[in-house]
N, C-alpha and C. Protein backbone atom coordinates (compact mmCIF):
# COMPACT_ATOMS: atom_id res chain seq x y z
N MET A 1 62.77 182.92 103.19
CA MET A 1 64.29 182.35 102.63
C MET A 1 64.16 181.54 103.89
N LYS A 2 64.42 181.35 105.02
CA LYS A 2 65.45 180.59 105.89
C LYS A 2 63.95 179.39 105.76
N ARG A 3 62.84 180.05 105.92
CA ARG A 3 61.95 178.67 106.28
C ARG A 3 62.31 177.52 104.82
N SER A 4 62.10 178.71 103.75
CA SER A 4 62.01 177.69 102.54
C SER A 4 63.18 176.91 102.40
N PHE A 5 64.42 177.21 102.77
CA PHE A 5 65.58 176.54 102.98
C PHE A 5 65.68 175.21 103.61
N MET A 6 65.06 175.61 104.77
CA MET A 6 64.41 174.33 106.19
C MET A 6 63.47 173.37 105.29
N LEU A 7 62.66 173.71 104.40
CA LEU A 7 61.64 172.86 103.69
C LEU A 7 62.22 172.32 102.88
N TYR A 8 63.26 172.87 102.02
CA TYR A 8 63.81 171.52 101.36
C TYR A 8 65.06 170.94 101.49
N ALA A 9 65.95 171.14 102.54
CA ALA A 9 66.42 170.37 103.63
C ALA A 9 65.42 169.26 103.96
N VAL A 10 64.43 169.66 104.75
CA VAL A 10 64.29 168.63 105.33
C VAL A 10 63.35 167.40 104.04
N ILE A 11 63.02 167.70 103.14
CA ILE A 11 62.54 167.39 102.44
C ILE A 11 63.54 166.03 101.53
N LEU A 12 64.84 167.10 101.26
CA LEU A 12 65.68 166.07 100.99
C LEU A 12 66.51 165.27 102.09
N LEU A 13 66.24 165.40 103.36
CA LEU A 13 66.72 164.66 104.11
C LEU A 13 66.08 163.36 104.33
N VAL A 14 64.12 163.97 104.12
CA VAL A 14 63.70 162.89 104.13
C VAL A 14 63.53 161.53 103.14
N LEU A 15 64.01 162.75 101.78
CA LEU A 15 64.18 161.55 100.92
C LEU A 15 65.37 160.65 100.65
N MET A 16 66.37 161.04 100.86
CA MET A 16 67.55 160.74 101.49
C MET A 16 67.72 159.35 102.20
N ASN A 17 67.04 159.17 103.56
CA ASN A 17 66.07 158.49 104.54
C ASN A 17 65.83 157.52 103.75
N VAL A 18 64.75 157.85 103.06
CA VAL A 18 64.07 156.72 102.14
C VAL A 18 64.65 156.03 101.43
N PHE A 19 65.57 156.53 100.22
CA PHE A 19 66.52 155.65 99.29
C PHE A 19 67.65 154.96 100.58
N THR A 20 68.14 155.98 101.32
CA THR A 20 68.83 154.39 101.57
C THR A 20 68.50 153.37 102.55
N TYR A 21 67.78 153.68 103.55
CA TYR A 21 66.35 152.11 103.92
C TYR A 21 66.42 151.53 102.75
N SER A 22 65.97 152.02 101.77
CA SER A 22 65.73 150.93 101.08
C SER A 22 66.80 149.82 99.93
N PHE A 23 67.49 150.88 100.15
CA PHE A 23 68.87 150.89 99.85
C PHE A 23 70.00 149.68 100.19
N TYR A 24 69.54 149.62 101.76
CA TYR A 24 70.05 148.62 102.28
C TYR A 24 69.24 147.27 102.89
N SER A 25 67.64 147.58 102.86
CA SER A 25 66.94 146.59 103.41
C SER A 25 66.92 145.60 101.94
N LYS A 26 67.26 146.56 100.90
CA LYS A 26 67.39 145.21 99.26
C LYS A 26 68.87 145.04 99.20
N GLU A 27 70.00 145.28 100.14
CA GLU A 27 71.08 145.10 99.95
C GLU A 27 71.06 143.63 101.00
N VAL A 28 70.87 143.63 102.07
CA VAL A 28 70.27 142.42 103.22
C VAL A 28 69.82 141.75 102.24
N GLU A 29 68.56 141.82 101.56
CA GLU A 29 67.95 140.46 100.95
C GLU A 29 69.04 139.82 99.71
N TYR A 30 69.28 140.50 98.87
CA TYR A 30 69.84 140.46 98.29
C TYR A 30 71.64 139.56 98.95
N GLU A 31 71.95 140.10 99.87
CA GLU A 31 73.02 138.81 101.04
C GLU A 31 72.36 137.82 101.21
N GLN A 32 71.47 137.57 101.52
CA GLN A 32 70.68 136.72 102.61
C GLN A 32 71.07 135.81 101.47
N ASN A 33 69.81 135.88 100.39
CA ASN A 33 70.16 134.93 98.78
C ASN A 33 71.32 134.55 98.37
N ARG A 34 71.73 135.22 98.17
CA ARG A 34 73.00 134.86 97.61
C ARG A 34 73.88 134.25 98.76
N TYR A 35 73.49 134.12 100.59
CA TYR A 35 73.81 133.13 101.33
C TYR A 35 73.75 131.63 100.90
N GLU A 36 72.57 132.07 100.71
CA GLU A 36 71.16 130.75 100.90
C GLU A 36 71.83 129.67 99.46
N LYS A 37 71.99 130.95 98.81
CA LYS A 37 72.38 130.07 96.70
C LYS A 37 73.82 129.35 97.48
N THR A 38 75.32 130.40 98.25
CA THR A 38 75.99 129.83 98.81
C THR A 38 76.07 128.21 99.14
N THR A 39 75.18 128.18 100.49
CA THR A 39 74.89 127.20 100.88
C THR A 39 74.53 125.78 100.58
N LYS A 40 73.91 126.44 99.52
CA LYS A 40 73.30 125.09 98.60
C LYS A 40 73.94 124.64 97.91
N LYS A 41 74.58 125.70 97.29
CA LYS A 41 75.91 124.59 96.52
C LYS A 41 77.45 123.87 96.81
N LEU A 42 77.19 124.41 98.17
CA LEU A 42 78.33 123.44 99.02
C LEU A 42 77.61 122.85 99.68
N ARG A 43 76.72 122.46 100.03
CA ARG A 43 76.20 121.34 100.61
C ARG A 43 76.00 119.92 99.06
N GLU A 44 75.34 120.54 97.95
CA GLU A 44 75.40 119.15 96.72
C GLU A 44 77.00 118.71 96.30
N SER A 45 77.81 120.38 96.61
CA SER A 45 79.04 119.72 97.13
C SER A 45 79.61 118.26 97.82
N LEU A 46 79.04 119.01 98.82
CA LEU A 46 79.93 118.34 99.84
C LEU A 46 79.33 116.22 100.10
N ASN A 47 77.78 116.25 99.26
CA ASN A 47 76.96 115.50 99.45
C ASN A 47 77.43 114.59 97.86
N SER A 48 78.08 115.07 97.30
CA SER A 48 78.57 114.75 95.64
C SER A 48 80.17 114.14 96.02
N ALA A 49 80.61 115.59 96.72
CA ALA A 49 82.06 114.21 97.75
C ALA A 49 81.85 112.77 98.25
N THR A 50 80.87 113.43 99.83
CA THR A 50 80.61 112.16 100.11
C THR A 50 80.16 110.66 99.75
N VAL A 51 79.76 110.95 98.94
CA VAL A 51 78.77 109.28 97.37
C VAL A 51 80.41 109.25 96.61
N LYS A 52 80.75 109.97 96.05
CA LYS A 52 82.09 109.39 95.98
C LYS A 52 83.13 108.94 96.53
N LEU A 53 83.22 109.41 98.27
CA LEU A 53 84.19 108.76 98.84
C LEU A 53 83.83 107.68 99.10
N ASN A 54 82.35 107.31 99.27
CA ASN A 54 82.23 105.80 99.56
C ASN A 54 81.98 104.97 98.42
N ASP A 55 82.18 105.39 97.02
CA ASP A 55 82.48 104.76 96.12
C ASP A 55 83.30 104.14 96.12
N ALA A 56 84.41 105.41 96.65
CA ALA A 56 85.94 104.59 95.96
C ALA A 56 86.33 103.86 97.37
N ASN A 57 85.51 103.89 97.91
CA ASN A 57 86.26 103.31 99.37
C ASN A 57 85.25 101.89 99.28
N TYR A 58 84.47 101.48 98.85
CA TYR A 58 83.73 100.00 98.45
C TYR A 58 84.18 98.84 98.85
N PHE A 59 85.41 99.38 97.70
CA PHE A 59 86.27 97.57 97.76
C PHE A 59 87.83 98.11 98.90
N SER A 60 87.10 98.50 100.94
CA SER A 60 88.12 98.20 101.51
C SER A 60 87.97 97.52 102.47
N LEU A 61 88.77 97.44 103.61
CA LEU A 61 88.09 96.35 104.67
C LEU A 61 87.94 97.15 105.81
N GLU A 62 87.77 98.24 105.61
CA GLU A 62 86.91 99.37 106.88
C GLU A 62 85.72 98.86 106.55
N LYS A 63 85.41 99.13 104.89
CA LYS A 63 83.94 98.90 104.70
C LYS A 63 83.47 97.53 105.16
N ASN A 64 84.04 96.20 104.37
CA ASN A 64 83.48 95.12 103.97
C ASN A 64 82.64 94.38 105.55
N GLU A 65 81.64 94.61 105.44
CA GLU A 65 81.43 94.37 107.27
C GLU A 65 81.37 92.42 106.87
N ASN A 66 81.36 91.70 105.68
CA ASN A 66 81.83 90.52 105.45
C ASN A 66 83.28 89.61 105.92
N ALA A 67 83.91 91.09 105.26
CA ALA A 67 85.58 90.64 105.21
C ALA A 67 85.85 90.93 106.52
N GLN A 68 85.89 92.17 107.45
CA GLN A 68 85.79 91.86 108.98
C GLN A 68 85.39 90.47 109.68
N ASN A 69 84.38 90.18 109.68
CA ASN A 69 83.02 88.62 110.14
C ASN A 69 84.37 87.67 110.06
N TYR A 70 85.50 87.53 108.83
CA TYR A 70 86.65 86.49 108.69
C TYR A 70 87.78 86.46 109.85
N PHE A 71 88.35 87.50 110.81
CA PHE A 71 88.33 87.91 111.44
C PHE A 71 87.58 87.98 112.79
N ASP A 72 86.32 87.41 113.35
CA ASP A 72 85.75 86.91 114.78
C ASP A 72 85.61 85.58 114.37
N SER A 73 86.47 84.75 115.50
CA SER A 73 86.85 83.77 115.46
C SER A 73 85.68 83.16 116.35
N GLY A 74 84.82 84.41 117.36
CA GLY A 74 83.87 83.93 118.38
C GLY A 74 85.31 83.31 119.89
N ASP A 75 86.32 83.16 119.48
CA ASP A 75 87.32 82.54 120.48
C ASP A 75 87.68 84.31 120.73
N SER A 76 87.30 85.35 122.11
CA SER A 76 87.27 86.66 122.01
C SER A 76 89.33 86.92 121.66
N GLU A 77 90.28 85.79 122.51
CA GLU A 77 91.97 85.77 122.37
C GLU A 77 91.28 85.30 121.01
N LYS A 78 92.28 84.63 120.50
CA LYS A 78 91.69 84.23 119.08
C LYS A 78 91.43 85.64 117.61
N MET A 79 90.37 86.58 118.57
CA MET A 79 90.34 87.40 117.57
C MET A 79 90.73 88.42 117.32
N ILE A 80 90.60 88.44 115.89
CA ILE A 80 91.73 90.03 115.39
C ILE A 80 90.98 90.98 114.68
N LYS A 81 91.27 92.29 115.26
CA LYS A 81 90.26 93.06 115.53
C LYS A 81 91.08 94.34 114.24
N TYR A 82 90.21 94.16 112.92
CA TYR A 82 90.33 94.86 111.53
C TYR A 82 90.91 96.04 112.01
N GLU A 83 90.45 97.10 112.93
CA GLU A 83 91.17 98.31 112.90
C GLU A 83 93.02 98.12 112.98
N GLU A 84 93.08 96.89 114.20
CA GLU A 84 94.30 96.88 114.49
C GLU A 84 95.05 96.12 113.71
N LEU A 85 94.63 95.63 112.60
CA LEU A 85 95.47 94.89 111.36
C LEU A 85 95.66 95.33 110.57
N ILE A 86 95.19 96.42 109.96
CA ILE A 86 95.68 97.75 108.84
C ILE A 86 96.71 98.18 109.23
N PRO A 87 96.77 98.66 109.70
CA PRO A 87 98.26 99.67 110.00
C PRO A 87 99.19 98.39 110.52
N HIS A 88 98.61 97.07 110.87
CA HIS A 88 99.97 95.78 111.24
C HIS A 88 100.37 95.57 109.90
N VAL A 89 99.22 95.27 109.20
CA VAL A 89 99.94 94.79 107.87
C VAL A 89 99.98 95.78 107.24
N THR A 90 100.27 96.46 106.87
CA THR A 90 100.83 97.86 105.80
C THR A 90 102.16 97.75 106.22
N GLU A 91 102.19 98.11 107.92
CA GLU A 91 103.97 97.81 108.52
C GLU A 91 104.37 97.02 108.12
N LYS A 92 104.01 95.50 108.06
CA LYS A 92 104.40 95.13 107.98
C LYS A 92 105.02 94.81 105.97
N LEU A 93 104.30 95.06 105.10
CA LEU A 93 104.61 94.94 103.92
C LEU A 93 105.83 96.50 103.79
N LEU A 94 105.72 98.19 104.66
CA LEU A 94 106.80 98.66 103.91
C LEU A 94 107.58 97.95 105.04
N ASP A 95 107.99 97.35 105.63
CA ASP A 95 109.31 96.98 106.88
C ASP A 95 110.24 96.13 105.15
N PHE A 96 109.70 95.34 104.63
CA PHE A 96 110.65 95.03 103.50
C PHE A 96 110.76 95.42 102.49
N ASN A 97 110.39 97.27 102.57
CA ASN A 97 111.33 97.94 102.01
C ASN A 97 112.84 98.87 101.80
N SER A 98 113.49 98.38 103.04
CA SER A 98 114.40 97.88 103.95
C SER A 98 115.50 96.99 102.98
N ASN A 99 114.90 96.11 102.21
CA ASN A 99 115.76 94.88 101.91
C ASN A 99 116.48 95.65 100.57
N PRO A 100 118.19 95.15 100.70
CA PRO A 100 119.26 95.97 99.90
C PRO A 100 118.74 95.52 98.54
N LYS A 101 118.32 94.88 98.33
CA LYS A 101 117.39 94.46 96.78
C LYS A 101 116.10 94.88 96.57
N GLY A 102 115.36 95.79 97.62
CA GLY A 102 113.89 96.40 96.57
C GLY A 102 112.96 94.69 97.34
N ASN A 103 111.45 95.73 97.54
CA ASN A 103 110.27 94.34 98.19
C ASN A 103 110.57 93.66 98.14
N PRO A 104 110.97 92.53 98.06
CA PRO A 104 110.11 91.73 96.87
C PRO A 104 109.03 90.90 96.62
N TYR A 105 108.14 91.73 97.15
CA TYR A 105 106.81 91.72 96.60
C TYR A 105 106.10 92.45 95.87
N VAL A 106 106.87 93.26 95.39
CA VAL A 106 106.61 93.56 93.75
C VAL A 106 106.43 93.08 92.73
N GLY A 107 106.91 91.32 93.33
CA GLY A 107 106.92 91.37 91.90
C GLY A 107 107.72 91.77 90.48
N GLN A 108 108.82 92.39 90.91
CA GLN A 108 109.60 92.88 89.73
C GLN A 108 111.07 92.30 90.26
N ASP A 109 112.14 92.27 89.61
CA ASP A 109 113.12 92.67 90.01
C ASP A 109 113.78 93.90 89.08
N GLN A 110 115.11 94.24 90.10
CA GLN A 110 116.05 95.31 90.18
C GLN A 110 116.26 95.71 88.89
N ILE A 111 115.68 96.23 87.90
CA ILE A 111 116.09 96.78 86.25
C ILE A 111 117.24 97.80 86.36
N GLY A 112 117.24 98.92 87.02
CA GLY A 112 118.00 99.81 86.68
C GLY A 112 119.37 99.62 88.15
N ILE A 113 120.11 100.82 87.99
CA ILE A 113 119.91 101.05 89.62
C ILE A 113 119.92 100.84 91.34
N ASN A 114 118.47 101.41 90.79
CA ASN A 114 117.10 102.41 91.87
C ASN A 114 116.05 100.46 92.21
N LYS A 115 116.21 100.25 93.72
CA LYS A 115 115.25 99.47 94.57
C LYS A 115 114.11 100.31 93.72
N PHE A 116 113.40 99.01 93.26
CA PHE A 116 111.82 99.33 93.66
C PHE A 116 111.49 98.83 94.71
N ILE A 117 110.71 99.93 95.62
CA ILE A 117 110.05 99.44 97.16
C ILE A 117 108.30 100.18 96.80
N ILE A 118 108.06 100.02 97.37
CA ILE A 118 106.36 99.84 97.71
C ILE A 118 105.46 101.23 98.45
N ASN A 119 105.25 102.25 97.87
CA ASN A 119 104.61 103.62 97.93
C ASN A 119 103.30 103.68 99.02
N LYS A 120 102.43 103.07 98.10
CA LYS A 120 101.43 103.27 98.93
C LYS A 120 100.73 101.89 99.09
N VAL A 121 99.49 101.84 100.35
CA VAL A 121 99.00 100.41 99.79
C VAL A 121 97.67 100.74 100.18
N LYS A 122 97.47 99.91 99.94
CA LYS A 122 95.74 99.10 100.16
C LYS A 122 95.02 97.99 100.82
N ILE A 123 94.68 98.08 101.80
CA ILE A 123 93.93 96.77 101.71
C ILE A 123 92.35 96.44 101.75
N LEU A 124 91.77 95.68 100.94
CA LEU A 124 90.96 95.27 99.93
C LEU A 124 89.77 95.18 101.01
N ASN A 125 90.18 93.86 101.54
CA ASN A 125 89.20 92.72 102.27
C ASN A 125 90.09 91.72 102.73
N HIS A 126 90.18 90.52 103.65
CA HIS A 126 90.32 89.68 104.48
C HIS A 126 91.38 88.93 103.82
N ARG A 127 91.81 89.13 102.52
CA ARG A 127 92.82 88.03 101.23
C ARG A 127 93.25 89.27 100.65
N TRP A 128 93.24 90.53 99.94
CA TRP A 128 93.81 91.02 98.41
C TRP A 128 94.41 92.58 99.15
N ILE A 129 95.09 92.65 98.70
CA ILE A 129 95.87 93.56 98.72
C ILE A 129 95.72 94.35 97.47
N ILE A 130 96.07 95.55 97.56
CA ILE A 130 96.79 96.09 95.77
C ILE A 130 97.65 97.05 96.85
N ALA A 131 98.72 97.36 95.94
CA ALA A 131 99.73 98.33 96.28
C ALA A 131 100.42 99.07 95.02
N ASP A 132 101.08 100.05 95.22
CA ASP A 132 101.71 100.74 94.21
C ASP A 132 103.54 101.09 94.73
N TYR A 133 103.85 101.34 93.00
CA TYR A 133 105.65 100.86 94.09
C TYR A 133 106.23 101.63 92.25
N SER A 134 107.77 102.34 93.12
CA SER A 134 108.43 102.46 92.17
C SER A 134 109.58 102.45 92.50
N ASP A 135 110.36 102.43 92.13
CA ASP A 135 112.28 102.60 91.48
C ASP A 135 112.71 104.52 91.93
N GLY A 136 111.74 105.29 91.41
CA GLY A 136 111.70 107.01 91.33
C GLY A 136 111.75 107.26 89.86
N GLU A 137 111.52 106.01 88.30
CA GLU A 137 111.48 106.54 87.32
C GLU A 137 110.68 105.60 87.13
N ILE A 138 110.30 104.31 87.61
CA ILE A 138 109.38 102.99 86.89
C ILE A 138 107.76 102.67 87.92
N TRP A 139 107.26 102.95 87.54
CA TRP A 139 106.19 102.82 88.42
C TRP A 139 105.16 102.06 87.64
N GLY A 140 104.46 101.14 89.53
CA GLY A 140 103.70 99.63 88.67
C GLY A 140 102.66 99.60 89.84
N GLU A 141 102.06 98.76 89.68
CA GLU A 141 101.16 98.47 91.25
C GLU A 141 101.23 95.98 90.64
N VAL A 142 100.65 96.23 91.95
CA VAL A 142 100.95 94.72 92.19
C VAL A 142 99.77 94.33 93.49
N LEU A 143 98.55 92.79 92.42
CA LEU A 143 98.80 92.49 93.79
C LEU A 143 98.37 91.77 94.36
N LEU A 144 98.28 91.63 95.58
CA LEU A 144 99.36 90.44 97.24
C LEU A 144 97.84 89.95 97.62
N LYS A 145 97.97 88.57 98.05
CA LYS A 145 97.52 88.44 98.82
C LYS A 145 98.03 88.05 100.39
N TYR A 146 97.20 87.86 100.91
CA TYR A 146 98.04 88.04 102.82
C TYR A 146 96.87 87.02 103.54
N PHE A 147 98.53 86.58 104.53
CA PHE A 147 97.60 85.53 105.46
C PHE A 147 97.82 85.95 106.53
N VAL A 148 96.81 85.72 107.45
CA VAL A 148 97.58 85.89 109.05
C VAL A 148 97.47 84.52 109.46
N ASN A 149 98.86 84.41 110.49
CA ASN A 149 98.47 83.27 110.66
C ASN A 149 98.64 82.84 111.81
N SER A 150 98.43 81.56 112.11
CA SER A 150 98.30 81.18 113.81
C SER A 150 98.71 82.08 114.77
N ASP A 151 99.87 81.77 114.08
CA ASP A 151 100.84 82.68 115.82
C ASP A 151 100.90 84.20 115.29
N GLN A 152 100.08 84.86 114.76
CA GLN A 152 99.53 86.25 114.95
C GLN A 152 100.58 86.80 113.77
N SER A 153 101.52 86.58 112.91
CA SER A 153 102.36 86.72 111.95
C SER A 153 101.97 86.81 110.72
N ILE A 154 102.21 87.80 109.23
CA ILE A 154 101.84 88.39 108.09
C ILE A 154 102.76 87.03 107.38
N SER A 155 101.99 86.76 106.44
CA SER A 155 102.81 86.23 104.89
C SER A 155 101.42 86.86 103.89
N PHE A 156 103.03 87.33 102.59
CA PHE A 156 102.03 87.69 101.83
C PHE A 156 102.43 86.87 100.80
N GLU A 157 102.20 86.67 99.53
CA GLU A 157 102.05 86.21 98.10
C GLU A 157 101.62 87.02 97.19
N VAL A 158 102.56 87.37 95.99
CA VAL A 158 102.27 87.60 94.57
C VAL A 158 102.00 87.67 94.42
N ASN A 159 100.04 88.05 93.84
CA ASN A 159 99.37 87.41 93.26
C ASN A 159 99.65 87.46 91.44
N GLN A 160 99.48 89.51 90.73
CA GLN A 160 100.15 89.58 90.21
C GLN A 160 100.59 91.35 89.99
N SER A 161 101.62 91.25 89.56
CA SER A 161 102.41 92.34 89.43
C SER A 161 102.71 93.10 87.73
N LEU A 162 102.33 94.40 87.42
CA LEU A 162 102.58 95.36 86.15
C LEU A 162 103.87 96.26 86.23
N LEU A 163 104.25 96.77 85.32
CA LEU A 163 104.66 97.84 85.14
C LEU A 163 103.85 98.21 84.07
N TYR A 164 104.15 99.96 84.54
CA TYR A 164 103.49 101.40 83.78
C TYR A 164 104.86 101.71 82.68
N GLN A 165 104.83 101.99 81.50
CA GLN A 165 106.12 102.41 80.25
C GLN A 165 106.01 103.82 80.93
N LYS A 166 107.40 104.40 81.09
CA LYS A 166 107.94 105.40 81.23
C LYS A 166 106.87 106.48 80.44
C-alpha cells in the first residue's frame, strides 16, 4: 500500500510540475507579447505626437531658418541670436502689462473695470507675433509687427486685433 501511494504521489507531483511549467512558460510568452504590443503602441503614439508638434511649430522663429537668417547681418557684433531674441521680445511685450490702462498693444481700449493684459506670446518669424490677451472676462488675440531697431531696442505695432464673444 505504501508503494502504490508513493507511486501515485510521484505521478501526481510529476503531472503538477508539467502543468506548472507549461502554465508559467505560456505566461512568460504572453507577457512578452503584451509588452511588445504596448511598446509598439507607445512608439506609434510618440511618433504621432512628434509629428503634430512639428506641424504646430511650423510657424515659429525657432524652426524657420529664413527668419533666423534675417538677423544674421554678417557683422558678428551686430548679429542678433534668435535664441536670445525670443525671450527678450516676449519680456518687452509683457512689460507693458504693468501699464495702469492695460497693455497698449492689445489693440483694444479698456471695456470694463479690468484692464487688458497679454497672457501668451508666440513669435512667428522675424516680423510677426501672435498674442492672447484678456481682462479676466473677455478674451482676444492680436497680431503684432515687431522691429529690432539699430540700438537693439524693440518696437511694436498692432496689425490686427479681435475679441471673442462671451
